[in-house]
Amino acid sequence: MGATQDCTVLVEVALRSIGKSVGDLAPEQFYQYGTAVSTPTPGDLVIRPGHVAIYVGNGQVISSGMNGANATILHPLSDLPGSSYVRVNP
């Protein structure tokens, strides 16, 4: 935690770690890596306009770039109302 990066870099690095070829993306472009689901499970992407995060379970997400800060933080999913959830394709 505490690494300096924005939200897209955090998720791009995570996707590359599982073998996905990822360029420099905007948050809304992450939909292409999976299927929309109604309820998140650990590992799902949490996407809303201007932000992307990773659901880690127990109502928590890991994000970077929240509220203009570039720190990587663990915080409640409820901080991201109106989000969509994407399960990354294998």
PDB file of N, CA and C in Angstrom:
ATOM      1  N   MET A   1       0.830  -1.179   0.000  1.00  0.00           N
ATOM      2  CA  MET A   1       0.000   0.000   0.000  1.00  0.00           C
ATOM      3  C   MET A   1       0.880   1.249   0.000  1.00  0.00           C
ATOM      4  N   GLY A   2       0.314   2.334  -0.445  1.00  0.00           N
ATOM      5  CA  GLY A   2       1.033   3.584  -0.442  1.00  0.00           C
ATOM      6  C   GLY A   2       1.843   3.848  -1.695  1.00  0.00           C
ATOM      7  N   ALA A   3       1.833   2.939  -2.676  1.00  0.00           N
ATOM      8  CA  ALA A   3       2.571   3.152  -3.919  1.00  0.00           C
ATOM      9  C   ALA A   3       1.957   4.319  -4.685  1.00  0.00           C
ATOM     10  N   THR A   4       2.805   5.100  -5.362  1.00  0.00           N
ATOM     11  CA  THR A   4       2.322   6.239  -6.126  1.00  0.00           C
ATOM     12  C   THR A   4       1.983   5.807  -7.546  1.00  0.00           C
ATOM     13  N   GLN A   5       0.716   5.880  -7.892  1.00  0.00           N
ATOM     14  CA  GLN A   5       0.232   5.560  -9.234  1.00  0.00           C
ATOM     15  C   GLN A   5      -1.226   5.978  -9.315  1.00  0.00           C
ATOM     16  N   ASP A   6      -1.736   6.109 -10.545  1.00  0.00           N
ATOM     17  CA  ASP A   6      -3.157   6.419 -10.657  1.00  0.00           C
ATOM     18  C   ASP A   6      -3.946   5.125 -10.770  1.00  0.00           C
ATOM     19  N   CYS A   7      -5.261   5.244 -10.805  1.00  0.00           N
ATOM     20  CA  CYS A   7      -6.121   4.061 -10.769  1.00  0.00           C
ATOM     21  C   CYS A   7      -5.894   3.137 -11.963  1.00  0.00           C
ATOM     22  N   THR A   8      -5.688   3.704 -13.144  1.00  0.00           N
ATOM     23  CA  THR A   8      -5.538   2.847 -14.326  1.00  0.00           C
ATOM     24  C   THR A   8      -4.240   2.061 -14.282  1.00  0.00           C
ATOM     25  N   VAL A   9      -3.173   2.671 -13.808  1.00  0.00           N
ATOM     26  CA  VAL A   9      -1.892   1.958 -13.726  1.00  0.00           C
ATOM     27  C   VAL A   9      -2.013   0.768 -12.788  1.00  0.00           C
ATOM     28  N   LEU A  10      -2.676   0.945 -11.656  1.00  0.00           N
ATOM     29  CA  LEU A  10      -2.871  -0.151 -10.712  1.00  0.00           C
ATOM     30  C   LEU A  10      -3.525  -1.350 -11.402  1.00  0.00           C
ATOM     31  N   VAL A  11      -4.601  -1.109 -12.132  1.00  0.00           N
ATOM     32  CA  VAL A  11      -5.339  -2.197 -12.763  1.00  0.00           C
ATOM     33  C   VAL A  11      -4.583  -2.739 -13.979  1.00  0.00           C
ATOM     34  N   GLU A  12      -3.917  -1.880 -14.739  1.00  0.00           N
ATOM     35  CA  GLU A  12      -3.111  -2.355 -15.869  1.00  0.00           C
ATOM     36  C   GLU A  12      -2.026  -3.323 -15.392  1.00  0.00           C
ATOM     37  N   VAL A  13      -1.346  -2.988 -14.311  1.00  0.00           N
ATOM     38  CA  VAL A  13      -0.302  -3.857 -13.762  1.00  0.00           C
ATOM     39  C   VAL A  13      -0.905  -5.186 -13.306  1.00  0.00           C
ATOM     40  N   ALA A  14      -2.053  -5.136 -12.653  1.00  0.00           N
ATOM     41  CA  ALA A  14      -2.712  -6.367 -12.200  1.00  0.00           C
ATOM     42  C   ALA A  14      -3.079  -7.255 -13.391  1.00  0.00           C
ATOM     43  N   LEU A  15      -3.616  -6.673 -14.448  1.00  0.00           N
ATOM     44  CA  LEU A  15      -3.986  -7.460 -15.623  1.00  0.00           C
ATOM     45  C   LEU A  15      -2.753  -8.043 -16.308  1.00  0.00           C
ATOM     46  N   ARG A  16      -1.692  -7.273 -16.404  1.00  0.00           N
ATOM     47  CA  ARG A  16      -0.455  -7.803 -17.006  1.00  0.00           C
ATOM     48  C   ARG A  16       0.085  -8.979 -16.189  1.00  0.00           C
ATOM     49  N   SER A  17      -0.100  -8.932 -14.861  1.00  0.00           N
ATOM     50  CA  SER A  17       0.420 -10.001 -14.008  1.00  0.00           C
ATOM     51  C   SER A  17      -0.274 -11.336 -14.262  1.00  0.00           C
ATOM     52  N   ILE A  18      -1.460 -11.298 -14.887  1.00  0.00           N
ATOM     53  CA  ILE A  18      -2.155 -12.551 -15.230  1.00  0.00           C
ATOM     54  C   ILE A  18      -2.108 -12.816 -16.734  1.00  0.00           C
ATOM     55  N   GLY A  19      -1.172 -12.143 -17.420  1.00  0.00           N
ATOM     56  CA  GLY A  19      -0.929 -12.431 -18.823  1.00  0.00           C
ATOM     57  C   GLY A  19      -1.754 -11.667 -19.831  1.00  0.00           C
ATOM     58  N   LYS A  20      -2.463 -10.652 -19.396  1.00  0.00           N
ATOM     59  CA  LYS A  20      -3.260  -9.847 -20.333  1.00  0.00           C
ATOM     60  C   LYS A  20      -2.371  -8.786 -20.979  1.00  0.00           C
ATOM     61  N   SER A  21      -2.568  -8.579 -22.270  1.00  0.00           N
ATOM     62  CA  SER A  21      -1.869  -7.515 -22.983  1.00  0.00           C
ATOM     63  C   SER A  21      -2.679  -6.241 -22.810  1.00  0.00           C
ATOM     64  N   VAL A  22      -2.105  -5.270 -22.125  1.00  0.00           N
ATOM     65  CA  VAL A  22      -2.835  -4.060 -21.761  1.00  0.00           C
ATOM     66  C   VAL A  22      -2.024  -2.835 -22.156  1.00  0.00           C
ATOM     67  N   GLY A  23      -2.686  -1.885 -22.805  1.00  0.00           N
ATOM     68  CA  GLY A  23      -2.049  -0.614 -23.125  1.00  0.00           C
ATOM     69  C   GLY A  23      -2.386   0.416 -22.069  1.00  0.00           C
ATOM     70  N   ASP A  24      -2.234   1.665 -22.417  1.00  0.00           N
ATOM     71  CA  ASP A  24      -2.565   2.774 -21.528  1.00  0.00           C
ATOM     72  C   ASP A  24      -4.044   3.090 -21.710  1.00  0.00           C
ATOM     73  N   LEU A  25      -4.871   2.742 -20.729  1.00  0.00           N
ATOM     74  CA  LEU A  25      -6.321   2.802 -20.872  1.00  0.00           C
ATOM     75  C   LEU A  25      -6.968   3.846 -19.978  1.00  0.00           C
ATOM     76  N   ALA A  26      -8.140   4.291 -20.391  1.00  0.00           N
ATOM     77  CA  ALA A  26      -9.021   5.088 -19.543  1.00  0.00           C
ATOM     78  C   ALA A  26      -9.896   4.115 -18.746  1.00  0.00           C
ATOM     79  N   PRO A  27     -10.417   4.534 -17.594  1.00  0.00           N
ATOM     80  CA  PRO A  27     -11.206   3.608 -16.776  1.00  0.00           C
ATOM     81  C   PRO A  27     -12.301   2.855 -17.533  1.00  0.00           C
ATOM     82  N   GLU A  28     -13.054   3.546 -18.376  1.00  0.00           N
ATOM     83  CA  GLU A  28     -14.168   2.907 -19.069  1.00  0.00           C
ATOM     84  C   GLU A  28     -13.716   1.863 -20.097  1.00  0.00           C
ATOM     85  N   GLN A  29     -12.446   1.861 -20.487  1.00  0.00           N
ATOM     86  CA  GLN A  29     -11.955   0.892 -21.459  1.00  0.00           C
ATOM     87  C   GLN A  29     -11.706  -0.490 -20.849  1.00  0.00           C
ATOM     88  N   PHE A  30     -11.757  -0.603 -19.539  1.00  0.00           N
ATOM     89  CA  PHE A  30     -11.507  -1.890 -18.903  1.00  0.00           C
ATOM     90  C   PHE A  30     -12.663  -2.880 -19.068  1.00  0.00           C
ATOM     91  N   TYR A  31     -13.814  -2.413 -19.532  1.00  0.00           N
ATOM     92  CA  TYR A  31     -14.939  -3.330 -19.781  1.00  0.00           C
ATOM     93  C   TYR A  31     -14.547  -4.417 -20.774  1.00  0.00           C
ATOM     94  N   GLN A  32     -13.634  -4.130 -21.696  1.00  0.00           N
ATOM     95  CA  GLN A  32     -13.267  -5.080 -22.743  1.00  0.00           C
ATOM     96  C   GLN A  32     -12.554  -6.325 -22.213  1.00  0.00           C
ATOM     97  N   TYR A  33     -12.139  -6.315 -20.959  1.00  0.00           N
ATOM     98  CA  TYR A  33     -11.386  -7.443 -20.415  1.00  0.00           C
ATOM     99  C   TYR A  33     -12.251  -8.471 -19.694  1.00  0.00           C
ATOM    100  N   GLY A  34     -13.561  -8.302 -19.740  1.00  0.00           N
ATOM    101  CA  GLY A  34     -14.390  -9.275 -19.043  1.00  0.00           C
ATOM    102  C   GLY A  34     -15.860  -9.128 -19.324  1.00  0.00           C
ATOM    103  N   THR A  35     -16.639  -9.664 -18.404  1.00  0.00           N
ATOM    104  CA  THR A  35     -18.085  -9.706 -18.508  1.00  0.00           C
ATOM    105  C   THR A  35     -18.693  -8.966 -17.321  1.00  0.00           C
ATOM    106  N   ALA A  36     -19.672  -8.130 -17.599  1.00  0.00           N
ATOM    107  CA  ALA A  36     -20.352  -7.409 -16.523  1.00  0.00           C
ATOM    108  C   ALA A  36     -21.097  -8.394 -15.631  1.00  0.00           C
ATOM    109  N   VAL A  37     -21.004  -8.190 -14.317  1.00  0.00           N
ATOM    110  CA  VAL A  37     -21.714  -9.011 -13.332  1.00  0.00           C
ATOM    111  C   VAL A  37     -22.441  -8.074 -12.377  1.00  0.00           C
ATOM    112  N   SER A  38     -23.467  -8.602 -11.705  1.00  0.00           N
ATOM    113  CA  SER A  38     -24.261  -7.742 -10.827  1.00  0.00           C
ATOM    114  C   SER A  38     -23.700  -7.635  -9.415  1.00  0.00           C
ATOM    115  N   THR A  39     -22.961  -8.647  -8.984  1.00  0.00           N
ATOM    116  CA  THR A  39     -22.402  -8.663  -7.638  1.00  0.00           C
ATOM    117  C   THR A  39     -20.916  -9.005  -7.739  1.00  0.00           C
ATOM    118  N   PRO A  40     -20.042  -8.177  -7.164  1.00  0.00           N
ATOM    119  CA  PRO A  40     -18.611  -8.451  -7.301  1.00  0.00           C
ATOM    120  C   PRO A  40     -18.119  -9.571  -6.394  1.00  0.00           C
ATOM    121  N   THR A  41     -17.100 -10.264  -6.888  1.00  0.00           N
ATOM    122  CA  THR A  41     -16.349 -11.228  -6.091  1.00  0.00           C
ATOM    123  C   THR A  41     -14.878 -10.792  -6.150  1.00  0.00           C
ATOM    124  N   PRO A  42     -14.052 -11.268  -5.221  1.00  0.00           N
ATOM    125  CA  PRO A  42     -12.656 -10.837  -5.219  1.00  0.00           C
ATOM    126  C   PRO A  42     -11.996 -10.997  -6.591  1.00  0.00           C
ATOM    127  N   GLY A  43     -11.306  -9.939  -6.998  1.00  0.00           N
ATOM    128  CA  GLY A  43     -10.628  -9.922  -8.290  1.00  0.00           C
ATOM    129  C   GLY A  43     -11.395  -9.193  -9.371  1.00  0.00           C
ATOM    130  N   ASP A  44     -12.684  -8.942  -9.154  1.00  0.00           N
ATOM    131  CA  ASP A  44     -13.474  -8.228 -10.162  1.00  0.00           C
ATOM    132  C   ASP A  44     -13.056  -6.761 -10.229  1.00  0.00           C
ATOM    133  N   LEU A  45     -13.187  -6.189 -11.421  1.00  0.00           N
ATOM    134  CA  LEU A  45     -12.924  -4.767 -11.588  1.00  0.00           C
ATOM    135  C   LEU A  45     -14.158  -3.981 -11.178  1.00  0.00           C
ATOM    136  N   VAL A  46     -13.940  -2.857 -10.556  1.00  0.00           N
ATOM    137  CA  VAL A  46     -15.007  -1.948 -10.141  1.00  0.00           C
ATOM    138  C   VAL A  46     -14.811  -0.686 -10.977  1.00  0.00           C
ATOM    139  N   ILE A  47     -15.779  -0.413 -11.860  1.00  0.00           N
ATOM    140  CA  ILE A  47     -15.624   0.669 -12.830  1.00  0.00           C
ATOM    141  C   ILE A  47     -16.743   1.683 -12.672  1.00  0.00           C
ATOM    142  N   ARG A  48     -16.352   2.938 -12.649  1.00  0.00           N
ATOM    143  CA  ARG A  48     -17.304   4.040 -12.681  1.00  0.00           C
ATOM    144  C   ARG A  48     -16.679   5.135 -13.526  1.00  0.00           C
ATOM    145  N   PRO A  49     -17.445   6.088 -13.988  1.00  0.00           N
ATOM    146  CA  PRO A  49     -16.856   7.142 -14.812  1.00  0.00           C
ATOM    147  C   PRO A  49     -15.650   7.799 -14.117  1.00  0.00           C
ATOM    148  N   GLY A  50     -14.506   7.741 -14.774  1.00  0.00           N
ATOM    149  CA  GLY A  50     -13.310   8.370 -14.255  1.00  0.00           C
ATOM    150  C   GLY A  50     -12.523   7.586 -13.231  1.00  0.00           C
ATOM    151  N   HIS A  51     -12.953   6.342 -12.902  1.00  0.00           N
ATOM    152  CA  HIS A  51     -12.222   5.570 -11.896  1.00  0.00           C
ATOM    153  C   HIS A  51     -12.388   4.070 -12.127  1.00  0.00           C
ATOM    154  N   VAL A  52     -11.328   3.326 -11.814  1.00  0.00           N
ATOM    155  CA  VAL A  52     -11.363   1.868 -11.835  1.00  0.00           C
ATOM    156  C   VAL A  52     -10.607   1.371 -10.611  1.00  0.00           C
ATOM    157  N   ALA A  53     -11.113   0.292  -9.995  1.00  0.00           N
ATOM    158  CA  ALA A  53     -10.513  -0.289  -8.800  1.00  0.00           C
ATOM    159  C   ALA A  53     -10.646  -1.806  -8.893  1.00  0.00           C
ATOM    160  N   ILE A  54     -10.130  -2.501  -7.891  1.00  0.00           N
ATOM    161  CA  ILE A  54     -10.219  -3.963  -7.834  1.00  0.00           C
ATOM    162  C   ILE A  54     -10.911  -4.349  -6.533  1.00  0.00           C
ATOM    163  N   TYR A  55     -11.962  -5.172  -6.664  1.00  0.00           N
ATOM    164  CA  TYR A  55     -12.679  -5.653  -5.484  1.00  0.00           C
ATOM    165  C   TYR A  55     -11.844  -6.743  -4.821  1.00  0.00           C
ATOM    166  N   VAL A  56     -11.646  -6.631  -3.496  1.00  0.00           N
ATOM    167  CA  VAL A  56     -10.837  -7.618  -2.779  1.00  0.00           C
ATOM    168  C   VAL A  56     -11.652  -8.474  -1.817  1.00  0.00           C
ATOM    169  N   GLY A  57     -12.949  -8.201  -1.706  1.00  0.00           N
ATOM    170  CA  GLY A  57     -13.807  -8.987  -0.821  1.00  0.00           C
ATOM    171  C   GLY A  57     -14.193  -8.228   0.433  1.00  0.00           C
ATOM    172  N   ASN A  58     -15.170  -8.752   1.125  1.00  0.00           N
ATOM    173  CA  ASN A  58     -15.656  -8.163   2.382  1.00  0.00           C
ATOM    174  C   ASN A  58     -16.019  -6.689   2.248  1.00  0.00           C
ATOM    175  N   GLY A  59     -16.572  -6.315   1.095  1.00  0.00           N
ATOM    176  CA  GLY A  59     -17.002  -4.936   0.892  1.00  0.00           C
ATOM    177  C   GLY A  59     -15.878  -3.941   0.706  1.00  0.00           C
ATOM    178  N   GLN A  60     -14.673  -4.423   0.378  1.00  0.00           N
ATOM    179  CA  GLN A  60     -13.498  -3.565   0.247  1.00  0.00           C
ATOM    180  C   GLN A  60     -12.931  -3.593  -1.178  1.00  0.00           C
ATOM    181  N   VAL A  61     -12.346  -2.466  -1.584  1.00  0.00           N
ATOM    182  CA  VAL A  61     -11.652  -2.372  -2.872  1.00  0.00           C
ATOM    183  C   VAL A  61     -10.267  -1.791  -2.637  1.00  0.00           C
ATOM    184  N   ILE A  62      -9.379  -2.054  -3.597  1.00  0.00           N
ATOM    185  CA  ILE A  62      -8.075  -1.404  -3.605  1.00  0.00           C
ATOM    186  C   ILE A  62      -8.076  -0.445  -4.786  1.00  0.00           C
ATOM    187  N   SER A  63      -7.669   0.781  -4.516  1.00  0.00           N
ATOM    188  CA  SER A  63      -7.690   1.852  -5.511  1.00  0.00           C
ATOM    189  C   SER A  63      -6.410   2.663  -5.438  1.00  0.00           C
ATOM    190  N   SER A  64      -6.161   3.359  -6.510  1.00  0.00           N
ATOM    191  CA  SER A  64      -5.153   4.426  -6.533  1.00  0.00           C
ATOM    192  C   SER A  64      -5.839   5.636  -7.128  1.00  0.00           C
ATOM    193  N   GLY A  65      -5.323   6.806  -6.800  1.00  0.00           N
ATOM    194  CA  GLY A  65      -5.854   8.028  -7.389  1.00  0.00           C
ATOM    195  C   GLY A  65      -7.196   8.481  -6.846  1.00  0.00           C
ATOM    196  N   MET A  66      -7.570   8.049  -5.657  1.00  0.00           N
ATOM    197  CA  MET A  66      -8.834   8.489  -5.063  1.00  0.00           C
ATOM    198  C   MET A  66      -8.735   9.939  -4.616  1.00  0.00           C
ATOM    199  N   ASN A  67      -9.728  10.729  -4.962  1.00  0.00           N
ATOM    200  CA  ASN A  67      -9.815  12.123  -4.518  1.00  0.00           C
ATOM    201  C   ASN A  67      -8.547  12.925  -4.819  1.00  0.00           C
ATOM    202  N   GLY A  68      -7.933  12.631  -5.974  1.00  0.00           N
ATOM    203  CA  GLY A  68      -6.759  13.384  -6.400  1.00  0.00           C
ATOM    204  C   GLY A  68      -5.447  12.927  -5.802  1.00  0.00           C
ATOM    205  N   ALA A  69      -5.472  11.979  -4.884  1.00  0.00           N
ATOM    206  CA  ALA A  69      -4.235  11.455  -4.297  1.00  0.00           C
ATOM    207  C   ALA A  69      -3.770  10.256  -5.112  1.00  0.00           C
ATOM    208  N   ASN A  70      -2.472  10.113  -5.286  1.00  0.00           N
ATOM    209  CA  ASN A  70      -1.953   8.995  -6.076  1.00  0.00           C
ATOM    210  C   ASN A  70      -1.522   7.807  -5.230  1.00  0.00           C
ATOM    211  N   ALA A  71      -1.885   7.774  -3.962  1.00  0.00           N
ATOM    212  CA  ALA A  71      -1.545   6.648  -3.104  1.00  0.00           C
ATOM    213  C   ALA A  71      -2.474   5.471  -3.396  1.00  0.00           C
ATOM    214  N   THR A  72      -1.979   4.264  -3.181  1.00  0.00           N
ATOM    215  CA  THR A  72      -2.778   3.052  -3.299  1.00  0.00           C
ATOM    216  C   THR A  72      -3.378   2.775  -1.929  1.00  0.00           C
ATOM    217  N   ILE A  73      -4.717   2.625  -1.893  1.00  0.00           N
ATOM    218  CA  ILE A  73      -5.397   2.478  -0.609  1.00  0.00           C
ATOM    219  C   ILE A  73      -6.446   1.367  -0.652  1.00  0.00           C
ATOM    220  N   LEU A  74      -6.753   0.841   0.505  1.00  0.00           N
ATOM    221  CA  LEU A  74      -7.856  -0.087   0.703  1.00  0.00           C
ATOM    222  C   LEU A  74      -8.992   0.729   1.289  1.00  0.00           C
ATOM    223  N   HIS A  75     -10.193   0.614   0.716  1.00  0.00           N
ATOM    224  CA  HIS A  75     -11.319   1.407   1.217  1.00  0.00           C
ATOM    225  C   HIS A  75     -12.635   0.699   0.906  1.00  0.00           C
ATOM    226  N   PRO A  76     -13.733   1.142   1.515  1.00  0.00           N
ATOM    227  CA  PRO A  76     -15.030   0.494   1.296  1.00  0.00           C
ATOM    228  C   PRO A  76     -15.536   0.666  -0.138  1.00  0.00           C
ATOM    229  N   LEU A  77     -16.149  -0.379  -0.650  1.00  0.00           N
ATOM    230  CA  LEU A  77     -16.805  -0.321  -1.952  1.00  0.00           C
ATOM    231  C   LEU A  77     -17.850   0.792  -1.970  1.00  0.00           C
ATOM    232  N   SER A  78     -18.453   1.077  -0.827  1.00  0.00           N
ATOM    233  CA  SER A  78     -19.480   2.124  -0.749  1.00  0.00           C
ATOM    234  C   SER A  78     -18.935   3.511  -1.093  1.00  0.00           C
ATOM    235  N   ASP A  79     -17.608   3.675  -1.120  1.00  0.00           N
ATOM    236  CA  ASP A  79     -17.008   4.943  -1.552  1.00  0.00           C
ATOM    237  C   ASP A  79     -17.162   5.165  -3.055  1.00  0.00           C
ATOM    238  N   LEU A  80     -17.587   4.114  -3.785  1.00  0.00           N
ATOM    239  CA  LEU A  80     -17.702   4.172  -5.239  1.00  0.00           C
ATOM    240  C   LEU A  80     -19.138   3.870  -5.679  1.00  0.00           C
ATOM    241  N   PRO A  81     -20.104   4.694  -5.263  1.00  0.00           N
ATOM    242  CA  PRO A  81     -21.503   4.417  -5.616  1.00  0.00           C
ATOM    243  C   PRO A  81     -21.721   4.476  -7.111  1.00  0.00           C
ATOM    244  N   GLY A  82     -22.653   3.659  -7.587  1.00  0.00           N
ATOM    245  CA  GLY A  82     -22.999   3.649  -9.002  1.00  0.00           C
ATOM    246  C   GLY A  82     -22.005   2.919  -9.887  1.00  0.00           C
ATOM    247  N   SER A  83     -21.105   2.135  -9.280  1.00  0.00           N
ATOM    248  CA  SER A  83     -20.108   1.411 -10.060  1.00  0.00           C
ATOM    249  C   SER A  83     -20.707   0.208 -10.762  1.00  0.00           C
ATOM    250  N   SER A  84     -20.014  -0.213 -11.804  1.00  0.00           N
ATOM    251  CA  SER A  84     -20.291  -1.474 -12.493  1.00  0.00           C
ATOM    252  C   SER A  84     -19.175  -2.439 -12.133  1.00  0.00           C
ATOM    253  N   TYR A  85     -19.460  -3.736 -12.257  1.00  0.00           N
ATOM    254  CA  TYR A  85     -18.495  -4.772 -11.896  1.00  0.00           C
ATOM    255  C   TYR A  85     -18.199  -5.617 -13.117  1.00  0.00           C
ATOM    256  N   VAL A  86     -16.926  -5.910 -13.333  1.00  0.00           N
ATOM    257  CA  VAL A  86     -16.509  -6.699 -14.487  1.00  0.00           C
ATOM    258  C   VAL A  86     -15.639  -7.853 -14.005  1.00  0.00           C
ATOM    259  N   ARG A  87     -16.052  -9.067 -14.346  1.00  0.00           N
ATOM    260  CA  ARG A  87     -15.273 -10.255 -14.060  1.00  0.00           C
ATOM    261  C   ARG A  87     -14.324 -10.481 -15.229  1.00  0.00           C
ATOM    262  N   VAL A  88     -13.036 -10.452 -14.962  1.00  0.00           N
ATOM    263  CA  VAL A  88     -12.025 -10.569 -16.007  1.00  0.00           C
ATOM    264  C   VAL A  88     -12.073 -11.966 -16.618  1.00  0.00           C
ATOM    265  N   ASN A  89     -12.066 -12.014 -17.955  1.00  0.00           N
ATOM    266  CA  ASN A  89     -12.072 -13.287 -18.665  1.00  0.00           C
ATOM    267  C   ASN A  89     -10.729 -13.983 -18.474  1.00  0.00           C
ATOM    268  N   PRO A  90     -10.764 -15.319 -18.337  1.00  0.00           N
ATOM    269  CA  PRO A  90      -9.493 -16.070 -18.183  1.00  0.00           C
ATOM    270  C   PRO A  90      -8.645 -15.994 -19.444  1.00  0.00           C
TER     271      PRO A  90
END
